[in-house]
């Protein structure tokens, strides 16, 4: 089962996680602050949890920041799936915009 780990203190992040589950029922969402999330990430040798990062765990892979968003959207139906095409841009570029958005995410919603 794919997992979305997100910051529950962020209204936008919470909305996105719950919206994703409505669109794709087999996702499971967990607060990144939860012990279960910490245990999941430790299995992948991730000890530091960045609260400005969304994590997506699918099978034996952990995706972070923009890659996580693109993987999540890739599971959804059209038109959302189209946004996943941005995953082919360099991570340096997509993560730049992800981090910029994350910096101001508390002001949204």
PDB file of N, CA and C in Angstrom:
ATOM      1  N   UNK A   1       0.844  -1.193   0.000  1.00  0.00           N
ATOM      2  CA  UNK A   1       0.000   0.000   0.000  1.00  0.00           C
ATOM      3  C   UNK A   1       0.881   1.245   0.000  1.00  0.00           C
ATOM      4  N   UNK A   2       0.662   2.158  -0.926  1.00  0.00           N
ATOM      5  CA  UNK A   2       1.425   3.410  -0.956  1.00  0.00           C
ATOM      6  C   UNK A   2       1.047   4.331   0.218  1.00  0.00           C
ATOM      7  N   UNK A   3       2.040   5.003   0.759  1.00  0.00           N
ATOM      8  CA  UNK A   3       1.841   5.913   1.888  1.00  0.00           C
ATOM      9  C   UNK A   3       2.222   7.333   1.504  1.00  0.00           C
ATOM     10  N   UNK A   4       1.408   8.275   1.941  1.00  0.00           N
ATOM     11  CA  UNK A   4       1.736   9.695   1.839  1.00  0.00           C
ATOM     12  C   UNK A   4       2.007  10.167   3.266  1.00  0.00           C
ATOM     13  N   UNK A   5       3.197  10.693   3.498  1.00  0.00           N
ATOM     14  CA  UNK A   5       3.559  11.247   4.805  1.00  0.00           C
ATOM     15  C   UNK A   5       3.649  12.760   4.629  1.00  0.00           C
ATOM     16  N   UNK A   6       2.886  13.476   5.428  1.00  0.00           N
ATOM     17  CA  UNK A   6       2.755  14.919   5.209  1.00  0.00           C
ATOM     18  C   UNK A   6       2.685  15.656   6.546  1.00  0.00           C
ATOM     19  N   UNK A   7       2.887  16.954   6.492  1.00  0.00           N
ATOM     20  CA  UNK A   7       2.854  17.822   7.670  1.00  0.00           C
ATOM     21  C   UNK A   7       1.409  18.208   7.980  1.00  0.00           C
ATOM     22  N   UNK A   8       0.875  17.675   9.070  1.00  0.00           N
ATOM     23  CA  UNK A   8      -0.522  17.953   9.435  1.00  0.00           C
ATOM     24  C   UNK A   8      -0.715  19.377   9.957  1.00  0.00           C
ATOM     25  N   UNK A   9       0.355  20.083  10.257  1.00  0.00           N
ATOM     26  CA  UNK A   9       0.228  21.474  10.690  1.00  0.00           C
ATOM     27  C   UNK A   9       0.025  22.415   9.503  1.00  0.00           C
ATOM     28  N   UNK A  10       0.226  21.912   8.318  1.00  0.00           N
ATOM     29  CA  UNK A  10       0.065  22.692   7.096  1.00  0.00           C
ATOM     30  C   UNK A  10      -1.310  22.378   6.509  1.00  0.00           C
ATOM     31  N   UNK A  11      -2.159  23.399   6.427  1.00  0.00           N
ATOM     32  CA  UNK A  11      -3.515  23.190   5.899  1.00  0.00           C
ATOM     33  C   UNK A  11      -3.495  22.747   4.442  1.00  0.00           C
ATOM     34  N   UNK A  12      -2.618  23.341   3.646  1.00  0.00           N
ATOM     35  CA  UNK A  12      -2.532  22.946   2.244  1.00  0.00           C
ATOM     36  C   UNK A  12      -2.105  21.486   2.124  1.00  0.00           C
ATOM     37  N   UNK A  13      -1.087  21.100   2.891  1.00  0.00           N
ATOM     38  CA  UNK A  13      -0.579  19.722   2.840  1.00  0.00           C
ATOM     39  C   UNK A  13      -1.661  18.728   3.261  1.00  0.00           C
ATOM     40  N   UNK A  14      -2.388  19.077   4.304  1.00  0.00           N
ATOM     41  CA  UNK A  14      -3.471  18.221   4.784  1.00  0.00           C
ATOM     42  C   UNK A  14      -4.551  18.092   3.727  1.00  0.00           C
ATOM     43  N   UNK A  15      -4.913  19.211   3.125  1.00  0.00           N
ATOM     44  CA  UNK A  15      -5.933  19.193   2.067  1.00  0.00           C
ATOM     45  C   UNK A  15      -5.469  18.326   0.892  1.00  0.00           C
ATOM     46  N   UNK A  16      -4.208  18.493   0.478  1.00  0.00           N
ATOM     47  CA  UNK A  16      -3.675  17.724  -0.642  1.00  0.00           C
ATOM     48  C   UNK A  16      -3.678  16.226  -0.333  1.00  0.00           C
ATOM     49  N   UNK A  17      -3.262  15.850   0.876  1.00  0.00           N
ATOM     50  CA  UNK A  17      -3.218  14.429   1.252  1.00  0.00           C
ATOM     51  C   UNK A  17      -4.616  13.820   1.251  1.00  0.00           C
ATOM     52  N   UNK A  18      -5.578  14.504   1.852  1.00  0.00           N
ATOM     53  CA  UNK A  18      -6.950  13.982   1.903  1.00  0.00           C
ATOM     54  C   UNK A  18      -7.595  13.966   0.510  1.00  0.00           C
ATOM     55  N   UNK A  19      -7.310  14.976  -0.290  1.00  0.00           N
ATOM     56  CA  UNK A  19      -7.813  15.022  -1.663  1.00  0.00           C
ATOM     57  C   UNK A  19      -7.256  13.847  -2.465  1.00  0.00           C
ATOM     58  N   UNK A  20      -5.975  13.555  -2.271  1.00  0.00           N
ATOM     59  CA  UNK A  20      -5.333  12.443  -2.978  1.00  0.00           C
ATOM     60  C   UNK A  20      -5.984  11.111  -2.631  1.00  0.00           C
ATOM     61  N   UNK A  21      -6.308  10.928  -1.355  1.00  0.00           N
ATOM     62  CA  UNK A  21      -6.942   9.677  -0.917  1.00  0.00           C
ATOM     63  C   UNK A  21      -8.349   9.548  -1.489  1.00  0.00           C
ATOM     64  N   UNK A  22      -9.044  10.665  -1.621  1.00  0.00           N
ATOM     65  CA  UNK A  22     -10.380  10.621  -2.244  1.00  0.00           C
ATOM     66  C   UNK A  22     -10.281  10.190  -3.705  1.00  0.00           C
ATOM     67  N   UNK A  23      -9.217  10.628  -4.367  1.00  0.00           N
ATOM     68  CA  UNK A  23      -9.029  10.301  -5.781  1.00  0.00           C
ATOM     69  C   UNK A  23      -8.460   8.890  -5.981  1.00  0.00           C
ATOM     70  N   UNK A  24      -7.651   8.440  -5.028  1.00  0.00           N
ATOM     71  CA  UNK A  24      -6.990   7.132  -5.128  1.00  0.00           C
ATOM     72  C   UNK A  24      -7.131   6.413  -3.786  1.00  0.00           C
ATOM     73  N   UNK A  25      -8.105   5.546  -3.706  1.00  0.00           N
ATOM     74  CA  UNK A  25      -8.493   4.911  -2.436  1.00  0.00           C
ATOM     75  C   UNK A  25      -7.411   4.037  -1.805  1.00  0.00           C
ATOM     76  N   UNK A  26      -6.461   3.553  -2.585  1.00  0.00           N
ATOM     77  CA  UNK A  26      -5.476   2.657  -1.981  1.00  0.00           C
ATOM     78  C   UNK A  26      -4.297   3.382  -1.332  1.00  0.00           C
ATOM     79  N   UNK A  27      -4.317   4.714  -1.319  1.00  0.00           N
ATOM     80  CA  UNK A  27      -3.303   5.474  -0.590  1.00  0.00           C
ATOM     81  C   UNK A  27      -3.631   5.444   0.897  1.00  0.00           C
ATOM     82  N   UNK A  28      -2.609   5.461   1.687  1.00  0.00           N
ATOM     83  CA  UNK A  28      -2.763   5.617   3.123  1.00  0.00           C
ATOM     84  C   UNK A  28      -2.009   6.891   3.512  1.00  0.00           C
ATOM     85  N   UNK A  29      -2.630   7.723   4.335  1.00  0.00           N
ATOM     86  CA  UNK A  29      -1.964   8.969   4.726  1.00  0.00           C
ATOM     87  C   UNK A  29      -1.616   8.913   6.208  1.00  0.00           C
ATOM     88  N   UNK A  30      -0.434   9.440   6.526  1.00  0.00           N
ATOM     89  CA  UNK A  30       0.067   9.443   7.899  1.00  0.00           C
ATOM     90  C   UNK A  30       0.760  10.779   8.139  1.00  0.00           C
ATOM     91  N   UNK A  31       0.533  11.348   9.288  1.00  0.00           N
ATOM     92  CA  UNK A  31       1.254  12.564   9.668  1.00  0.00           C
ATOM     93  C   UNK A  31       2.739  12.250   9.768  1.00  0.00           C
ATOM     94  N   UNK A  32       3.550  13.098   9.194  1.00  0.00           N
ATOM     95  CA  UNK A  32       4.992  12.895   9.231  1.00  0.00           C
ATOM     96  C   UNK A  32       5.520  12.962  10.673  1.00  0.00           C
ATOM     97  N   UNK A  33       4.722  13.550  11.572  1.00  0.00           N
ATOM     98  CA  UNK A  33       5.099  13.663  12.984  1.00  0.00           C
ATOM     99  C   UNK A  33       4.735  12.407  13.783  1.00  0.00           C
ATOM    100  N   UNK A  34       3.973  11.517  13.179  1.00  0.00           N
ATOM    101  CA  UNK A  34       3.494  10.306  13.835  1.00  0.00           C
ATOM    102  C   UNK A  34       4.613   9.271  13.974  1.00  0.00           C
ATOM    103  N   UNK A  35       4.575   8.490  15.041  1.00  0.00           N
ATOM    104  CA  UNK A  35       5.589   7.454  15.264  1.00  0.00           C
ATOM    105  C   UNK A  35       5.599   6.414  14.148  1.00  0.00           C
ATOM    106  N   UNK A  36       4.434   6.120  13.586  1.00  0.00           N
ATOM    107  CA  UNK A  36       4.361   5.163  12.486  1.00  0.00           C
ATOM    108  C   UNK A  36       5.130   5.684  11.266  1.00  0.00           C
ATOM    109  N   UNK A  37       5.016   6.973  10.994  1.00  0.00           N
ATOM    110  CA  UNK A  37       5.744   7.579   9.875  1.00  0.00           C
ATOM    111  C   UNK A  37       7.245   7.523  10.133  1.00  0.00           C
ATOM    112  N   UNK A  38       7.634   7.827  11.348  1.00  0.00           N
ATOM    113  CA  UNK A  38       9.059   7.787  11.696  1.00  0.00           C
ATOM    114  C   UNK A  38       9.611   6.378  11.536  1.00  0.00           C
ATOM    115  N   UNK A  39       8.842   5.390  11.955  1.00  0.00           N
ATOM    116  CA  UNK A  39       9.274   3.993  11.831  1.00  0.00           C
ATOM    117  C   UNK A  39       9.390   3.591  10.356  1.00  0.00           C
ATOM    118  N   UNK A  40       8.417   4.007   9.553  1.00  0.00           N
ATOM    119  CA  UNK A  40       8.469   3.707   8.112  1.00  0.00           C
ATOM    120  C   UNK A  40       9.718   4.306   7.479  1.00  0.00           C
ATOM    121  N   UNK A  41      10.002   5.548   7.800  1.00  0.00           N
ATOM    122  CA  UNK A  41      11.158   6.219   7.207  1.00  0.00           C
ATOM    123  C   UNK A  41      12.472   5.620   7.696  1.00  0.00           C
ATOM    124  N   UNK A  42      12.508   5.183   8.956  1.00  0.00           N
ATOM    125  CA  UNK A  42      13.715   4.541   9.480  1.00  0.00           C
ATOM    126  C   UNK A  42      14.046   3.267   8.705  1.00  0.00           C
ATOM    127  N   UNK A  43      13.005   2.567   8.240  1.00  0.00           N
ATOM    128  CA  UNK A  43      13.237   1.350   7.437  1.00  0.00           C
ATOM    129  C   UNK A  43      13.991   1.666   6.154  1.00  0.00           C
ATOM    130  N   UNK A  44      13.919   2.916   5.731  1.00  0.00           N
ATOM    131  CA  UNK A  44      14.619   3.359   4.527  1.00  0.00           C
ATOM    132  C   UNK A  44      15.849   4.201   4.882  1.00  0.00           C
ATOM    133  N   UNK A  45      16.293   4.088   6.130  1.00  0.00           N
ATOM    134  CA  UNK A  45      17.483   4.792   6.635  1.00  0.00           C
ATOM    135  C   UNK A  45      17.344   6.307   6.619  1.00  0.00           C
ATOM    136  N   UNK A  46      16.116   6.798   6.726  1.00  0.00           N
ATOM    137  CA  UNK A  46      15.887   8.240   6.820  1.00  0.00           C
ATOM    138  C   UNK A  46      15.672   8.564   8.288  1.00  0.00           C
ATOM    139  N   UNK A  47      16.651   9.250   8.877  1.00  0.00           N
ATOM    140  CA  UNK A  47      16.581   9.562  10.303  1.00  0.00           C
ATOM    141  C   UNK A  47      16.091  10.978  10.560  1.00  0.00           C
ATOM    142  N   UNK A  48      16.473  11.896   9.670  1.00  0.00           N
ATOM    143  CA  UNK A  48      16.036  13.282   9.801  1.00  0.00           C
ATOM    144  C   UNK A  48      14.769  13.473   8.988  1.00  0.00           C
ATOM    145  N   UNK A  49      13.715  13.926   9.638  1.00  0.00           N
ATOM    146  CA  UNK A  49      12.451  14.151   8.944  1.00  0.00           C
ATOM    147  C   UNK A  49      12.282  15.648   8.732  1.00  0.00           C
ATOM    148  N   UNK A  50      12.259  16.037   7.482  1.00  0.00           N
ATOM    149  CA  UNK A  50      12.102  17.435   7.108  1.00  0.00           C
ATOM    150  C   UNK A  50      10.606  17.754   7.052  1.00  0.00           C
ATOM    151  N   UNK A  51      10.157  18.654   7.920  1.00  0.00           N
ATOM    152  CA  UNK A  51       8.735  18.986   7.978  1.00  0.00           C
ATOM    153  C   UNK A  51       8.261  19.788   6.767  1.00  0.00           C
ATOM    154  N   UNK A  52       9.184  20.266   5.960  1.00  0.00           N
ATOM    155  CA  UNK A  52       8.806  20.983   4.739  1.00  0.00           C
ATOM    156  C   UNK A  52       8.809  20.056   3.532  1.00  0.00           C
ATOM    157  N   UNK A  53       8.793  18.760   3.807  1.00  0.00           N
ATOM    158  CA  UNK A  53       8.875  17.771   2.742  1.00  0.00           C
ATOM    159  C   UNK A  53       7.720  16.798   2.823  1.00  0.00           C
ATOM    160  N   UNK A  54       7.131  16.491   1.678  1.00  0.00           N
ATOM    161  CA  UNK A  54       6.154  15.416   1.596  1.00  0.00           C
ATOM    162  C   UNK A  54       6.923  14.163   1.173  1.00  0.00           C
ATOM    163  N   UNK A  55       6.564  13.046   1.775  1.00  0.00           N
ATOM    164  CA  UNK A  55       7.185  11.771   1.452  1.00  0.00           C
ATOM    165  C   UNK A  55       6.119  10.860   0.848  1.00  0.00           C
ATOM    166  N   UNK A  56       6.509  10.111  -0.151  1.00  0.00           N
ATOM    167  CA  UNK A  56       5.611   9.121  -0.748  1.00  0.00           C
ATOM    168  C   UNK A  56       6.360   7.805  -0.782  1.00  0.00           C
ATOM    169  N   UNK A  57       5.796   6.810  -0.125  1.00  0.00           N
ATOM    170  CA  UNK A  57       6.421   5.491  -0.076  1.00  0.00           C
ATOM    171  C   UNK A  57       5.590   4.539  -0.922  1.00  0.00           C
ATOM    172  N   UNK A  58       6.248   3.953  -1.897  1.00  0.00           N
ATOM    173  CA  UNK A  58       5.607   2.984  -2.782  1.00  0.00           C
ATOM    174  C   UNK A  58       6.533   1.776  -2.883  1.00  0.00           C
ATOM    175  N   UNK A  59       6.027   0.633  -2.445  1.00  0.00           N
ATOM    176  CA  UNK A  59       6.801  -0.602  -2.435  1.00  0.00           C
ATOM    177  C   UNK A  59       8.109  -0.370  -1.681  1.00  0.00           C
ATOM    178  N   UNK A  60       9.229  -0.481  -2.338  1.00  0.00           N
ATOM    179  CA  UNK A  60      10.526  -0.321  -1.662  1.00  0.00           C
ATOM    180  C   UNK A  60      11.196   1.007  -1.997  1.00  0.00           C
ATOM    181  N   UNK A  61      10.399   2.007  -2.371  1.00  0.00           N
ATOM    182  CA  UNK A  61      10.940   3.303  -2.768  1.00  0.00           C
ATOM    183  C   UNK A  61      10.345   4.431  -1.948  1.00  0.00           C
ATOM    184  N   UNK A  62      11.194   5.397  -1.622  1.00  0.00           N
ATOM    185  CA  UNK A  62      10.738   6.615  -0.956  1.00  0.00           C
ATOM    186  C   UNK A  62      11.027   7.777  -1.895  1.00  0.00           C
ATOM    187  N   UNK A  63      10.001   8.559  -2.155  1.00  0.00           N
ATOM    188  CA  UNK A  63      10.140   9.745  -2.996  1.00  0.00           C
ATOM    189  C   UNK A  63       9.910  10.957  -2.111  1.00  0.00           C
ATOM    190  N   UNK A  64      10.670  12.011  -2.360  1.00  0.00           N
ATOM    191  CA  UNK A  64      10.561  13.214  -1.537  1.00  0.00           C
ATOM    192  C   UNK A  64      10.318  14.439  -2.412  1.00  0.00           C
ATOM    193  N   UNK A  65       9.755  15.459  -1.770  1.00  0.00           N
ATOM    194  CA  UNK A  65       9.487  16.750  -2.394  1.00  0.00           C
ATOM    195  C   UNK A  65       8.771  16.610  -3.742  1.00  0.00           C
ATOM    196  N   UNK A  66       9.290  17.226  -4.780  1.00  0.00           N
ATOM    197  CA  UNK A  66       8.582  17.248  -6.069  1.00  0.00           C
ATOM    198  C   UNK A  66       8.400  15.852  -6.643  1.00  0.00           C
ATOM    199  N   UNK A  67       9.362  14.974  -6.459  1.00  0.00           N
ATOM    200  CA  UNK A  67       9.227  13.600  -6.975  1.00  0.00           C
ATOM    201  C   UNK A  67       8.044  12.905  -6.308  1.00  0.00           C
ATOM    202  N   UNK A  68       7.847  13.159  -5.023  1.00  0.00           N
ATOM    203  CA  UNK A  68       6.712  12.564  -4.303  1.00  0.00           C
ATOM    204  C   UNK A  68       5.395  13.075  -4.880  1.00  0.00           C
ATOM    205  N   UNK A  69       5.308  14.369  -5.102  1.00  0.00           N
ATOM    206  CA  UNK A  69       4.082  14.961  -5.657  1.00  0.00           C
ATOM    207  C   UNK A  69       3.799  14.376  -7.037  1.00  0.00           C
ATOM    208  N   UNK A  70       4.824  14.284  -7.875  1.00  0.00           N
ATOM    209  CA  UNK A  70       4.622  13.752  -9.220  1.00  0.00           C
ATOM    210  C   UNK A  70       4.209  12.280  -9.190  1.00  0.00           C
ATOM    211  N   UNK A  71       4.784  11.509  -8.291  1.00  0.00           N
ATOM    212  CA  UNK A  71       4.407  10.091  -8.175  1.00  0.00           C
ATOM    213  C   UNK A  71       2.955   9.962  -7.723  1.00  0.00           C
ATOM    214  N   UNK A  72       2.559  10.777  -6.760  1.00  0.00           N
ATOM    215  CA  UNK A  72       1.167  10.758  -6.279  1.00  0.00           C
ATOM    216  C   UNK A  72       0.220  11.095  -7.427  1.00  0.00           C
ATOM    217  N   UNK A  73       0.506  12.189  -8.126  1.00  0.00           N
ATOM    218  CA  UNK A  73      -0.357  12.618  -9.226  1.00  0.00           C
ATOM    219  C   UNK A  73      -0.369  11.607 -10.371  1.00  0.00           C
ATOM    220  N   UNK A  74       0.712  10.876 -10.526  1.00  0.00           N
ATOM    221  CA  UNK A  74       0.781   9.855 -11.560  1.00  0.00           C
ATOM    222  C   UNK A  74      -0.202   8.714 -11.346  1.00  0.00           C
ATOM    223  N   UNK A  75      -0.635   8.519 -10.110  1.00  0.00           N
ATOM    224  CA  UNK A  75      -1.619   7.488  -9.789  1.00  0.00           C
ATOM    225  C   UNK A  75      -3.051   7.935 -10.075  1.00  0.00           C
ATOM    226  N   UNK A  76      -3.242   9.230 -10.232  1.00  0.00           N
ATOM    227  CA  UNK A  76      -4.589   9.766 -10.380  1.00  0.00           C
ATOM    228  C   UNK A  76      -5.027   9.764 -11.845  1.00  0.00           C
ATOM    229  N   UNK A  77      -6.279  10.065 -12.043  1.00  0.00           N
ATOM    230  CA  UNK A  77      -6.833  10.111 -13.395  1.00  0.00           C
ATOM    231  C   UNK A  77      -6.520  11.438 -14.072  1.00  0.00           C
ATOM    232  N   UNK A  78      -6.800  11.471 -15.373  1.00  0.00           N
ATOM    233  CA  UNK A  78      -6.705  12.693 -16.154  1.00  0.00           C
ATOM    234  C   UNK A  78      -7.591  13.745 -15.520  1.00  0.00           C
ATOM    235  N   UNK A  79      -7.243  14.985 -15.403  1.00  0.00           N
ATOM    236  CA  UNK A  79      -6.080  15.670 -15.950  1.00  0.00           C
ATOM    237  C   UNK A  79      -4.881  15.694 -15.009  1.00  0.00           C
ATOM    238  N   UNK A  80      -5.074  15.229 -13.778  1.00  0.00           N
ATOM    239  CA  UNK A  80      -4.006  15.310 -12.774  1.00  0.00           C
ATOM    240  C   UNK A  80      -2.773  14.518 -13.182  1.00  0.00           C
ATOM    241  N   UNK A  81      -2.988  13.415 -13.846  1.00  0.00           N
ATOM    242  CA  UNK A  81      -1.886  12.563 -14.293  1.00  0.00           C
ATOM    243  C   UNK A  81      -0.927  13.328 -15.209  1.00  0.00           C
ATOM    244  N   UNK A  82      -1.457  14.307 -15.951  1.00  0.00           N
ATOM    245  CA  UNK A  82      -0.614  15.081 -16.865  1.00  0.00           C
ATOM    246  C   UNK A  82       0.477  15.862 -16.125  1.00  0.00           C
ATOM    247  N   UNK A  83       0.172  16.326 -14.935  1.00  0.00           N
ATOM    248  CA  UNK A  83       1.158  17.086 -14.157  1.00  0.00           C
ATOM    249  C   UNK A  83       2.367  16.214 -13.831  1.00  0.00           C
ATOM    250  N   UNK A  84       2.131  14.910 -13.723  1.00  0.00           N
ATOM    251  CA  UNK A  84       3.219  13.973 -13.428  1.00  0.00           C
ATOM    252  C   UNK A  84       4.288  13.974 -14.513  1.00  0.00           C
ATOM    253  N   UNK A  85       3.964  14.480 -15.700  1.00  0.00           N
ATOM    254  CA  UNK A  85       4.960  14.552 -16.774  1.00  0.00           C
ATOM    255  C   UNK A  85       6.130  15.473 -16.410  1.00  0.00           C
ATOM    256  N   UNK A  86       5.909  16.385 -15.473  1.00  0.00           N
ATOM    257  CA  UNK A  86       6.984  17.280 -15.031  1.00  0.00           C
ATOM    258  C   UNK A  86       8.094  16.523 -14.302  1.00  0.00           C
ATOM    259  N   UNK A  87       7.837  15.267 -13.941  1.00  0.00           N
ATOM    260  CA  UNK A  87       8.868  14.480 -13.257  1.00  0.00           C
ATOM    261  C   UNK A  87      10.089  14.258 -14.150  1.00  0.00           C
ATOM    262  N   UNK A  88       9.944  14.481 -15.440  1.00  0.00           N
ATOM    263  CA  UNK A  88      11.061  14.289 -16.360  1.00  0.00           C
ATOM    264  C   UNK A  88      11.964  15.517 -16.464  1.00  0.00           C
ATOM    265  N   UNK A  89      11.554  16.596 -15.832  1.00  0.00           N
ATOM    266  CA  UNK A  89      12.437  17.768 -15.731  1.00  0.00           C
ATOM    267  C   UNK A  89      13.509  17.464 -14.686  1.00  0.00           C
ATOM    268  N   UNK A  90      14.608  18.175 -14.710  1.00  0.00           N
ATOM    269  CA  UNK A  90      15.642  17.941 -13.693  1.00  0.00           C
ATOM    270  C   UNK A  90      15.100  18.201 -12.280  1.00  0.00           C
ATOM    271  N   UNK A  91      15.447  17.336 -11.360  1.00  0.00           N
ATOM    272  CA  UNK A  91      14.993  17.456  -9.970  1.00  0.00           C
ATOM    273  C   UNK A  91      15.428  18.793  -9.377  1.00  0.00           C
ATOM    274  N   UNK A  92      16.579  19.256  -9.767  1.00  0.00           N
ATOM    275  CA  UNK A  92      17.070  20.546  -9.277  1.00  0.00           C
ATOM    276  C   UNK A  92      16.059  21.653  -9.577  1.00  0.00           C
ATOM    277  N   UNK A  93      15.449  21.597 -10.742  1.00  0.00           N
ATOM    278  CA  UNK A  93      14.468  22.603 -11.158  1.00  0.00           C
ATOM    279  C   UNK A  93      13.152  22.406 -10.408  1.00  0.00           C
ATOM    280  N   UNK A  94      12.627  21.192 -10.426  1.00  0.00           N
ATOM    281  CA  UNK A  94      11.319  20.950  -9.798  1.00  0.00           C
ATOM    282  C   UNK A  94      11.385  21.121  -8.285  1.00  0.00           C
ATOM    283  N   UNK A  95      12.491  20.702  -7.666  1.00  0.00           N
ATOM    284  CA  UNK A  95      12.626  20.898  -6.221  1.00  0.00           C
ATOM    285  C   UNK A  95      12.804  22.370  -5.848  1.00  0.00           C
ATOM    286  N   UNK A  96      13.396  23.159  -6.745  1.00  0.00           N
ATOM    287  CA  UNK A  96      13.495  24.596  -6.489  1.00  0.00           C
ATOM    288  C   UNK A  96      12.097  25.183  -6.301  1.00  0.00           C
ATOM    289  N   UNK A  97      11.185  24.849  -7.216  1.00  0.00           N
ATOM    290  CA  UNK A  97       9.822  25.363  -7.122  1.00  0.00           C
ATOM    291  C   UNK A  97       9.070  24.740  -5.946  1.00  0.00           C
ATOM    292  N   UNK A  98       9.339  23.472  -5.665  1.00  0.00           N
ATOM    293  CA  UNK A  98       8.725  22.815  -4.508  1.00  0.00           C
ATOM    294  C   UNK A  98       9.133  23.547  -3.226  1.00  0.00           C
ATOM    295  N   UNK A  99      10.433  23.801  -3.067  1.00  0.00           N
ATOM    296  CA  UNK A  99      10.938  24.458  -1.846  1.00  0.00           C
ATOM    297  C   UNK A  99      10.420  25.888  -1.730  1.00  0.00           C
ATOM    298  N   UNK A 100      10.316  26.569  -2.853  1.00  0.00           N
ATOM    299  CA  UNK A 100       9.761  27.921  -2.848  1.00  0.00           C
ATOM    300  C   UNK A 100       8.308  27.888  -2.363  1.00  0.00           C
ATOM    301  N   UNK A 101       7.538  26.956  -2.902  1.00  0.00           N
ATOM    302  CA  UNK A 101       6.147  26.795  -2.474  1.00  0.00           C
ATOM    303  C   UNK A 101       6.085  26.405  -1.002  1.00  0.00           C
ATOM    304  N   UNK A 102       6.927  25.472  -0.573  1.00  0.00           N
ATOM    305  CA  UNK A 102       6.928  24.995   0.819  1.00  0.00           C
ATOM    306  C   UNK A 102       7.237  26.125   1.801  1.00  0.00           C
ATOM    307  N   UNK A 103       8.061  27.042   1.376  1.00  0.00           N
ATOM    308  CA  UNK A 103       8.427  28.174   2.230  1.00  0.00           C
ATOM    309  C   UNK A 103       7.206  29.022   2.602  1.00  0.00           C
ATOM    310  N   UNK A 104       6.264  29.130   1.681  1.00  0.00           N
ATOM    311  CA  UNK A 104       5.092  29.982   1.893  1.00  0.00           C
ATOM    312  C   UNK A 104       3.792  29.194   2.069  1.00  0.00           C
ATOM    313  N   UNK A 105       3.874  27.893   2.263  1.00  0.00           N
ATOM    314  CA  UNK A 105       2.684  27.045   2.281  1.00  0.00           C
ATOM    315  C   UNK A 105       1.718  27.358   3.410  1.00  0.00           C
ATOM    316  N   UNK A 106       2.190  27.881   4.533  1.00  0.00           N
ATOM    317  CA  UNK A 106       1.292  28.181   5.654  1.00  0.00           C
ATOM    318  C   UNK A 106       0.385  29.376   5.339  1.00  0.00           C
ATOM    319  N   UNK A 107       0.757  30.161   4.351  1.00  0.00           N
ATOM    320  CA  UNK A 107      -0.065  31.328   3.978  1.00  0.00           C
ATOM    321  C   UNK A 107      -1.178  30.943   3.014  1.00  0.00           C
ATOM    322  N   UNK A 108      -1.112  29.727   2.489  1.00  0.00           N
ATOM    323  CA  UNK A 108      -2.105  29.267   1.507  1.00  0.00           C
ATOM    324  C   UNK A 108      -3.181  28.482   2.219  1.00  0.00           C
ATOM    325  N   UNK A 109      -4.404  28.696   1.845  1.00  0.00           N
ATOM    326  CA  UNK A 109      -5.621  28.013   2.364  1.00  0.00           C
ATOM    327  C   UNK A 109      -5.999  28.503   3.727  1.00  0.00           C
TER     328      UNK A 109
END
